[in-house]
Protein backbone atom coordinates (compact mmCIF):
# COMPACT_ATOMS: atom_id res chain seq x y z
CA MET A 1 -36.36 11.18 -69.59
CA PRO A 2 -38.57 14.27 -69.13
CA SER A 3 -37.71 16.44 -66.22
CA GLY A 4 -41.21 16.20 -64.69
CA ILE A 5 -41.17 12.40 -64.60
CA GLY A 6 -37.61 12.36 -63.23
CA ALA A 7 -38.70 14.71 -60.46
CA SER A 8 -41.64 12.45 -59.72
CA TYR A 9 -39.39 9.41 -59.34
CA ARG A 10 -37.05 11.31 -57.05
CA SER A 11 -40.02 12.47 -54.96
CA LEU A 12 -41.28 8.90 -54.78
CA ALA A 13 -37.91 7.70 -53.53
CA ASP A 14 -37.80 10.46 -50.92
CA ASP A 15 -41.28 9.61 -49.69
CA VAL A 16 -40.51 5.92 -49.38
CA TYR A 17 -37.32 6.71 -47.45
CA LYS A 18 -39.03 9.16 -45.14
CA SER A 19 -41.96 6.81 -44.56
CA THR A 20 -39.51 4.33 -43.01
CA THR A 21 -37.42 6.83 -41.00
CA VAL A 22 -39.72 9.66 -39.85
CA ALA A 23 -41.89 8.29 -37.03
CA GLU A 24 -44.83 10.64 -37.12
CA ASN A 25 -45.36 10.76 -40.94
CA LYS A 26 -46.16 7.34 -42.33
CA PHE A 27 -47.53 6.84 -45.92
CA SER A 28 -48.60 3.68 -47.59
CA VAL A 29 -47.11 2.77 -50.95
CA ILE A 30 -50.39 3.66 -52.74
CA GLU A 31 -50.43 7.12 -51.19
CA SER A 32 -46.80 7.61 -52.18
CA VAL A 33 -47.61 6.67 -55.80
CA LYS A 34 -50.58 9.03 -55.82
CA LYS A 35 -48.39 11.78 -54.42
CA ALA A 36 -45.74 11.10 -57.06
CA PHE A 37 -48.25 11.46 -59.95
CA SER A 38 -49.68 14.59 -58.41
CA PHE A 39 -46.14 16.12 -58.62
CA SER A 40 -45.74 15.25 -62.31
CA SER A 41 -47.01 18.69 -63.32
CA GLY A 42 -43.85 20.41 -62.06
CA GLY A 43 -41.38 20.97 -59.23
CA ALA A 44 -43.34 23.87 -57.71
CA ALA A 45 -45.79 21.51 -56.00
CA ARG A 46 -42.88 19.66 -54.36
CA ARG A 47 -41.64 22.83 -52.75
CA SER A 48 -45.12 23.57 -51.43
CA ASP A 49 -45.57 20.13 -49.87
CA PRO A 50 -46.45 20.65 -46.21
CA LEU A 51 -44.46 17.62 -45.10
CA LEU A 52 -41.23 18.79 -46.65
CA THR A 53 -41.83 22.34 -45.52
CA ARG A 54 -42.38 21.32 -41.93
CA THR A 55 -39.38 19.03 -41.89
CA ASP A 56 -37.13 21.71 -43.34
CA ALA A 57 -38.41 24.18 -40.80
CA GLN A 58 -37.77 21.79 -37.95
CA GLN A 59 -34.22 21.28 -39.09
CA ALA A 60 -33.54 24.95 -39.70
CA THR A 61 -34.96 26.49 -36.52
CA PRO A 62 -34.18 25.87 -32.84
CA GLU A 63 -37.91 25.34 -32.19
CA GLY A 64 -37.94 22.56 -34.71
CA GLY A 65 -34.93 20.93 -33.02
CA ALA A 66 -36.70 21.12 -29.66
CA ALA A 67 -39.78 19.56 -31.19
CA ASN A 68 -37.67 16.68 -32.49
CA ARG A 69 -36.26 16.10 -29.03
CA ASP A 70 -39.76 16.06 -27.54
CA ARG A 71 -41.07 13.44 -29.99
CA LYS A 72 -42.53 10.33 -28.39
CA MET A 73 -41.83 6.83 -29.61
CA PRO A 74 -44.82 5.52 -31.60
CA ALA A 75 -46.69 2.51 -30.32
CA SER A 76 -45.96 0.60 -33.51
CA ALA A 77 -42.20 1.00 -33.19
CA SER A 78 -40.18 -2.15 -33.60
CA ALA A 79 -38.43 -3.92 -30.74
CA GLU A 80 -35.06 -2.85 -32.13
CA GLU A 81 -36.08 0.82 -32.11
CA THR A 82 -37.36 0.46 -28.57
CA ALA A 83 -34.08 -1.04 -27.43
CA LEU A 84 -32.05 1.67 -29.12
CA LEU A 85 -34.16 4.48 -27.75
CA GLY A 86 -34.16 2.90 -24.30
CA THR A 87 -30.41 3.28 -24.07
CA MET A 88 -30.57 7.03 -24.58
CA PRO A 89 -30.42 9.20 -21.45
CA SER A 90 -33.71 10.54 -20.22
CA ASP A 91 -34.71 14.13 -20.69
CA SER A 92 -34.54 14.70 -16.94
CA MET A 93 -30.73 14.55 -17.16
CA ASP A 94 -30.80 17.92 -18.92
CA ASP A 95 -32.07 19.53 -15.72
CA ILE A 96 -29.08 18.55 -13.56
CA GLU A 97 -26.97 21.54 -12.59
CA LEU A 98 -23.63 21.50 -10.76
CA ARG A 99 -24.02 24.10 -8.04
CA ASN A 100 -20.91 23.67 -5.86
CA ILE A 101 -17.95 21.41 -5.13
CA GLN A 102 -16.69 20.44 -1.69
CA LEU A 103 -13.04 19.46 -1.47
CA GLN A 104 -12.03 16.88 1.12
CA PHE A 105 -8.33 16.50 1.79
CA PRO A 106 -6.92 13.36 3.45
CA GLN A 107 -5.41 13.77 6.88
CA ALA A 108 -1.72 14.61 6.72
CA ARG A 109 0.63 11.75 7.54
CA THR A 110 2.46 12.34 10.82
CA MET A 111 5.11 10.44 12.73
CA SER A 112 4.54 11.90 16.15
CA ARG A 113 4.13 9.78 19.26
CA GLU A 114 1.37 12.18 20.32
CA ASP A 115 -0.82 10.43 17.74
CA SER A 116 0.13 6.92 18.86
CA GLN A 117 -1.64 7.06 22.24
CA LEU A 118 0.52 4.25 23.64
CA HIS A 119 1.74 3.87 27.17
CA GLU A 120 5.51 4.33 27.42
CA GLU A 121 7.71 2.94 30.18
CA ARG A 122 11.44 3.31 30.66
CA VAL A 123 13.10 0.03 31.60
CA GLU A 124 16.51 -0.05 33.26
CA THR A 125 18.91 -2.65 31.93
CA GLY A 126 22.50 -3.66 32.52
CA ARG A 127 23.62 -1.33 29.69
CA GLY A 128 21.46 1.76 30.16
CA SER A 129 17.72 2.26 29.87
CA VAL A 130 15.36 1.64 26.97
CA VAL A 131 11.90 2.99 26.21
CA VAL A 132 9.14 0.41 25.77
CA ALA A 133 5.69 1.37 24.43
CA VAL A 134 2.83 -0.97 25.27
CA GLN A 135 -0.11 -1.37 22.90
CA GLY A 136 -3.09 -3.56 23.80
CA ASN A 137 -4.35 -5.69 26.66
CA ARG A 138 -1.46 -7.04 28.71
CA SER A 139 -3.33 -10.23 29.50
CA ARG A 140 -3.13 -11.26 25.84
CA PRO A 141 -0.24 -13.09 24.13
CA ALA A 142 2.75 -10.79 23.69
CA ILE A 143 4.40 -9.56 20.49
CA LEU A 144 7.76 -7.82 20.92
CA THR A 145 9.05 -5.50 18.16
CA TYR A 146 12.45 -3.95 17.44
CA HIS A 147 13.03 -1.23 14.84
CA ASP A 148 15.61 -0.54 12.11
CA LEU A 149 18.30 2.14 11.68
CA GLY A 150 17.05 5.74 11.83
CA LEU A 151 13.62 4.72 13.11
CA ASN A 152 11.83 4.05 16.38
CA TYR A 153 8.58 2.38 17.33
CA VAL A 154 6.54 5.35 16.07
CA SER A 155 8.13 5.82 12.65
CA GLY A 156 8.79 2.12 12.17
CA TYR A 157 5.58 0.47 13.32
CA GLN A 158 2.81 2.99 13.98
CA THR A 159 1.39 2.92 10.44
CA PHE A 160 1.58 -0.84 10.08
CA PHE A 161 -0.02 -1.69 13.42
CA ASN A 162 -2.75 0.89 12.80
CA TYR A 163 -3.57 -0.70 9.45
CA ILE A 164 -7.17 -1.94 9.51
CA ASP A 165 -6.27 -5.64 9.20
CA MET A 166 -3.60 -5.42 11.88
CA ARG A 167 -5.84 -3.39 14.17
CA ALA A 168 -8.44 -6.16 14.08
CA LEU A 169 -5.73 -8.76 14.60
CA LEU A 170 -4.16 -7.01 17.57
CA GLU A 171 -7.40 -6.86 19.51
CA ASN A 172 -6.30 -10.28 20.77
CA PHE A 173 -2.60 -9.51 21.28
CA CYS A 174 -0.47 -7.07 23.25
CA VAL A 175 2.48 -5.44 21.50
CA TYR A 176 5.63 -4.28 23.30
CA HIS A 177 7.62 -1.87 21.13
CA VAL A 178 11.27 -1.71 22.22
CA THR A 179 13.33 1.32 21.19
CA ALA A 180 17.13 1.20 21.09
CA PRO A 181 18.97 3.53 23.52
CA GLY A 182 18.82 7.16 22.37
CA GLN A 183 16.59 6.46 19.35
CA GLU A 184 13.23 7.50 20.83
CA GLU A 185 11.54 10.69 19.69
CA GLY A 186 12.95 13.79 21.40
CA ALA A 187 15.81 11.84 22.99
CA PRO A 188 18.63 13.98 24.40
CA THR A 189 22.10 13.57 22.99
CA LEU A 190 23.95 10.77 24.73
CA PRO A 191 27.04 11.78 26.74
CA GLU A 192 30.37 11.71 24.97
CA ASP A 193 31.69 9.06 27.37
CA PHE A 194 28.68 6.81 26.81
CA VAL A 195 29.70 3.45 25.40
CA TYR A 196 26.92 2.28 23.13
CA PRO A 197 25.92 -1.39 23.55
CA THR A 198 27.03 -3.91 20.97
CA MET A 199 24.48 -5.94 19.03
CA ASP A 200 24.83 -8.81 21.51
CA GLU A 201 24.39 -6.42 24.43
CA LEU A 202 21.32 -4.91 22.80
CA SER A 203 19.83 -8.39 22.59
CA ASP A 204 20.66 -9.00 26.26
CA GLN A 205 18.60 -5.93 27.17
CA LEU A 206 15.50 -7.81 26.04
CA SER A 207 15.82 -10.13 29.04
CA PHE A 208 15.34 -7.12 31.32
CA VAL A 209 12.31 -6.06 29.28
CA LEU A 210 10.64 -9.46 29.58
CA SER A 211 11.40 -9.59 33.29
CA HIS A 212 10.05 -6.05 33.84
CA PHE A 213 6.68 -6.89 32.29
CA GLY A 214 6.54 -10.45 33.61
CA LEU A 215 6.58 -12.09 30.19
CA ARG A 216 7.53 -15.75 29.94
CA SER A 217 7.74 -15.81 26.16
CA VAL A 218 7.00 -13.51 23.23
CA ILE A 219 6.51 -13.50 19.47
CA GLY A 220 9.39 -11.59 17.90
CA PHE A 221 8.83 -9.03 15.12
CA GLY A 222 11.88 -7.15 13.86
CA VAL A 223 13.06 -5.17 10.83
CA GLY A 224 16.65 -4.71 9.65
CA ALA A 225 18.94 -4.07 12.60
CA GLY A 226 16.06 -4.91 14.94
CA ALA A 227 15.63 -8.28 13.23
CA ASN A 228 19.31 -9.01 13.84
CA VAL A 229 18.89 -8.15 17.54
CA LEU A 230 15.89 -10.46 17.88
CA ALA A 231 17.69 -13.27 16.04
CA ARG A 232 20.58 -13.02 18.50
CA TYR A 233 18.21 -13.12 21.45
CA ALA A 234 16.39 -16.13 19.95
CA LEU A 235 19.68 -18.00 19.58
CA ALA A 236 20.69 -17.24 23.18
CA HIS A 237 17.22 -17.81 24.68
CA PRO A 238 15.26 -20.16 22.39
CA GLY A 239 12.65 -20.83 25.06
CA LYS A 240 11.73 -17.14 25.28
CA ILE A 241 10.80 -16.73 21.60
CA GLU A 242 7.79 -18.76 20.46
CA ALA A 243 7.91 -17.57 16.85
CA LEU A 244 9.93 -15.05 14.89
CA CYS A 245 8.93 -12.71 12.06
CA ILE A 246 11.99 -10.96 10.63
CA ILE A 247 12.14 -8.51 7.73
CA ASN A 248 15.32 -7.70 5.77
CA CYS A 249 17.44 -9.55 8.31
CA VAL A 250 21.21 -9.81 7.77
CA SER A 251 22.91 -12.83 9.35
CA THR A 252 26.51 -12.08 8.33
CA GLN A 253 28.99 -9.45 9.40
CA ALA A 254 29.31 -6.20 7.47
CA GLY A 255 31.20 -6.28 4.18
CA TRP A 256 33.85 -3.78 3.17
CA ILE A 257 31.52 -1.65 1.05
CA GLU A 258 28.87 -1.41 3.78
CA TRP A 259 31.52 -0.76 6.40
CA GLY A 260 33.05 2.07 4.36
CA TYR A 261 29.75 3.78 3.59
CA GLN A 262 28.53 3.56 7.16
CA LYS A 263 31.83 4.80 8.59
CA LEU A 264 31.57 7.86 6.39
CA ASN A 265 27.96 8.33 7.47
CA THR A 266 28.78 8.16 11.17
CA ARG A 267 31.56 10.71 10.73
CA HIS A 268 29.20 13.14 8.99
CA LEU A 269 26.47 12.59 11.56
CA ARG A 270 28.82 13.45 14.41
CA SER A 271 30.42 16.49 12.75
CA LYS A 272 27.82 17.95 10.36
CA GLY A 273 24.52 16.35 11.31
CA MET A 274 22.11 14.88 8.76
CA THR A 275 23.87 15.57 5.46
CA GLN A 276 22.46 14.83 2.01
CA GLY A 277 24.77 11.83 1.65
CA VAL A 278 23.55 10.28 4.89
CA LEU A 279 19.94 11.00 3.94
CA ASP A 280 20.34 9.32 0.55
CA TYR A 281 21.92 6.27 2.16
CA LEU A 282 19.09 5.93 4.68
CA MET A 283 16.51 6.20 1.92
CA TRP A 284 18.33 3.51 -0.07
CA HIS A 285 18.65 1.32 3.04
CA HIS A 286 14.90 1.39 3.68
CA PHE A 287 13.34 1.72 0.21
CA GLY A 288 15.92 0.42 -2.24
CA ARG A 289 16.02 1.64 -5.83
CA GLY A 290 13.40 3.57 -7.80
CA THR A 291 11.88 5.10 -4.70
CA GLU A 292 10.73 8.41 -6.17
CA GLU A 293 8.88 6.75 -9.03
CA ARG A 294 7.02 4.29 -6.80
CA ASN A 295 5.70 6.46 -3.99
CA HIS A 296 6.72 10.09 -4.09
CA ASP A 297 4.58 11.21 -1.13
CA LEU A 298 5.84 8.46 1.18
CA VAL A 299 9.42 9.28 0.29
CA GLN A 300 8.90 12.94 1.18
CA VAL A 301 7.43 11.97 4.54
CA TYR A 302 10.47 9.92 5.46
CA ARG A 303 12.92 12.47 4.12
CA ASN A 304 11.31 15.10 6.28
CA TYR A 305 11.40 12.78 9.27
CA PHE A 306 15.10 11.95 8.91
CA GLU A 307 15.99 15.61 8.48
CA ARG A 308 14.00 17.00 11.42
CA HIS A 309 13.23 14.29 13.97
CA VAL A 310 16.36 12.14 14.25
CA ASN A 311 19.17 12.86 16.70
CA PRO A 312 22.24 12.55 14.43
CA THR A 313 24.74 11.84 17.22
CA ASN A 314 22.66 9.05 18.73
CA LEU A 315 21.99 7.58 15.30
CA ALA A 316 25.74 7.55 14.58
CA LEU A 317 26.28 5.43 17.70
CA PHE A 318 23.57 2.96 16.68
CA ILE A 319 24.95 2.66 13.13
CA ASP A 320 28.49 2.15 14.46
CA SER A 321 27.26 -0.68 16.67
CA TYR A 322 25.43 -2.28 13.73
CA ILE A 323 28.41 -2.31 11.35
CA ARG A 324 30.52 -3.90 14.11
CA ARG A 325 28.14 -6.84 14.35
CA THR A 326 29.44 -10.36 14.33
CA ASP A 327 28.18 -13.28 12.29
CA LEU A 328 25.21 -15.13 13.77
CA ASN A 329 27.14 -18.39 13.26
CA ILE A 330 24.10 -20.43 12.36
CA VAL A 331 24.21 -23.31 9.92
CA ARG A 332 21.66 -25.69 8.42
CA GLU A 333 22.22 -29.31 9.33
CA MET A 334 21.93 -31.36 6.13
CA ASP A 335 21.73 -34.76 7.84
CA PRO A 336 18.21 -35.21 9.29
CA GLY A 337 19.53 -37.71 11.84
CA ARG A 338 22.09 -35.27 13.22
CA LYS A 339 20.00 -32.15 13.60
CA ASN A 340 21.19 -29.90 16.39
CA ASN A 341 18.87 -26.97 17.05
CA THR A 342 21.59 -25.06 18.86
CA HIS A 343 23.28 -24.33 15.51
CA THR A 344 20.29 -22.53 14.03
CA LEU A 345 16.99 -20.95 15.00
CA SER A 346 14.82 -23.69 16.48
CA MET A 347 11.54 -21.76 16.58
CA PRO A 348 9.27 -21.17 13.55
CA VAL A 349 10.58 -18.31 11.41
CA ILE A 350 9.04 -16.28 8.60
CA ASN A 351 11.73 -14.41 6.67
CA ILE A 352 10.28 -11.52 4.61
CA THR A 353 11.82 -9.08 2.14
CA GLY A 354 10.74 -6.76 -0.66
CA ALA A 355 11.60 -7.43 -4.29
CA LEU A 356 13.13 -3.94 -4.61
CA SER A 357 14.93 -4.00 -1.25
CA PRO A 358 18.74 -3.91 -1.23
CA HIS A 359 18.70 -6.75 1.33
CA VAL A 360 17.18 -9.49 -0.83
CA ASP A 361 20.46 -11.41 -1.14
CA ASP A 362 21.03 -11.18 2.62
CA THR A 363 17.63 -12.74 3.30
CA VAL A 364 18.39 -15.52 0.81
CA THR A 365 21.66 -16.21 2.64
CA LEU A 366 19.82 -16.34 5.95
CA ASN A 367 17.19 -18.66 4.50
CA GLY A 368 19.93 -21.07 3.42
CA ARG A 369 21.15 -21.24 7.02
CA LEU A 370 17.73 -21.96 8.56
CA ASP A 371 15.98 -25.27 9.05
CA PRO A 372 13.62 -25.66 6.05
CA THR A 373 11.09 -27.59 8.16
CA ASN A 374 10.26 -24.61 10.37
CA SER A 375 11.17 -21.57 8.25
CA THR A 376 9.55 -19.74 5.33
CA TRP A 377 11.09 -17.20 2.96
CA MET A 378 8.73 -14.66 1.40
CA LYS A 379 9.51 -11.98 -1.20
CA ILE A 380 6.84 -9.35 -1.80
CA GLN A 381 6.73 -7.76 -5.24
CA ASP A 382 6.79 -4.03 -6.12
CA CYS A 383 8.13 -2.73 -2.81
CA GLY A 384 11.27 -2.14 -0.81
CA MET A 385 9.91 -1.06 2.59
CA VAL A 386 7.28 -3.75 2.92
CA LEU A 387 5.53 -2.46 6.06
CA GLU A 388 4.80 0.88 4.41
CA GLU A 389 4.29 -0.10 0.77
CA GLN A 390 2.52 -3.46 1.14
CA PRO A 391 0.95 -3.61 4.62
CA ALA A 392 -1.99 -5.75 3.45
CA LYS A 393 0.25 -8.56 2.21
CA VAL A 394 2.47 -8.50 5.30
CA SER A 395 -0.49 -8.49 7.68
CA GLU A 396 -2.08 -11.43 5.86
CA ALA A 397 1.17 -13.39 5.92
CA PHE A 398 1.68 -12.62 9.61
CA ARG A 399 -1.90 -13.68 10.46
CA LEU A 400 -1.52 -16.98 8.64
CA PHE A 401 1.86 -17.50 10.30
CA LEU A 402 0.31 -17.04 13.76
CA GLN A 403 -2.52 -19.41 12.89
CA GLY A 404 0.03 -22.03 11.95
CA GLN A 405 1.63 -21.67 15.38
CA GLY A 406 -1.57 -22.52 17.22
CA TYR A 407 -3.05 -19.07 17.79
CA GLY A 408 -6.27 -19.97 15.98
CA LYS A 409 -8.49 -19.41 19.04
CA TRP A 410 -7.13 -15.87 19.39
CA LEU A 411 -7.64 -15.14 15.71
CA ALA A 412 -11.01 -16.87 15.22
CA ALA A 413 -12.95 -13.69 15.93
CA ASN A 414 -11.06 -11.82 13.18
CA CYS A 415 -11.00 -14.45 10.44
């Protein structure tokens, strides 16, 4: 095939292709054929074609590239082209300029009672005095809380009760936070001759608290050691507790492993203060396993709190009292016709634990000793310290629990 005719066919193919892809240069088939025959004289005319020259210039120079960006979509464009071009960002986006950045840091987490803004009262009991912090309107139904080892009402409950769902809920309740002797923030070291109350005596102190504030009955809310204290009080005074929410509650006496670890901890707390071994045990007691991987910042907050804000001598006395606890001696009656509520907790109970908590088996044991008709066992996934790691789930469960006990009129405004 002669070179001139071959060039003409190639030029014809290029023109047909460009007539379907270049928007502003459209040629009919007849014009393309005429243009092909006009190029049959040689390849010099192809190089001098104004269309090809302009296109090459647009591709080779920045001005040509800018011209391509400024091209408008022709009116005869197909619907598919319109849809494709409509998804492209507008040219006005090129004018956006990032001038500055403002950094906003979240407020640092604190465990100071100065931030709690609660009214504290010291109540005298038969075995020393206890600090009670009142939160809410005292004319509302009462919720009484008791904290766990190493904590007090600020470090144990401040975050949970300030959670948005709980704050709305507690607009219709009054909370009385009871702190064990010597466990409040800034508490002085108890005298050497001070005999710390037993777990039963700690529960008896609650009668003085209810009498001091003129409370006929309360809703109990306890964690760990505090849950054990409230369970003892509920067994001794079933008419004083309308309902009971207990978290990581242990109903049996301490085993040999727990007794040995805690004895070593109390010895270190009295002689050396808050050692690394005691700190690690407290973190395990509250958070369980895998703590650092789950919530590093929360772990650091509690480590700092245990190291700097806990009186080690007073904590040693509280731990020693807890490991000397006796069994609750409750049993589930299997015969429905012979039920005796004095052998178990007669009030409604919600028994909560975290899936990663070291106390899961203890809560299962307690659940097996409760009446299944008025008790509920709940395990929350992906947490050990449920009030800190899963406050939304606990607050929802607690709200539904209160609704089931007839507090619907108090909760109607928040539902």
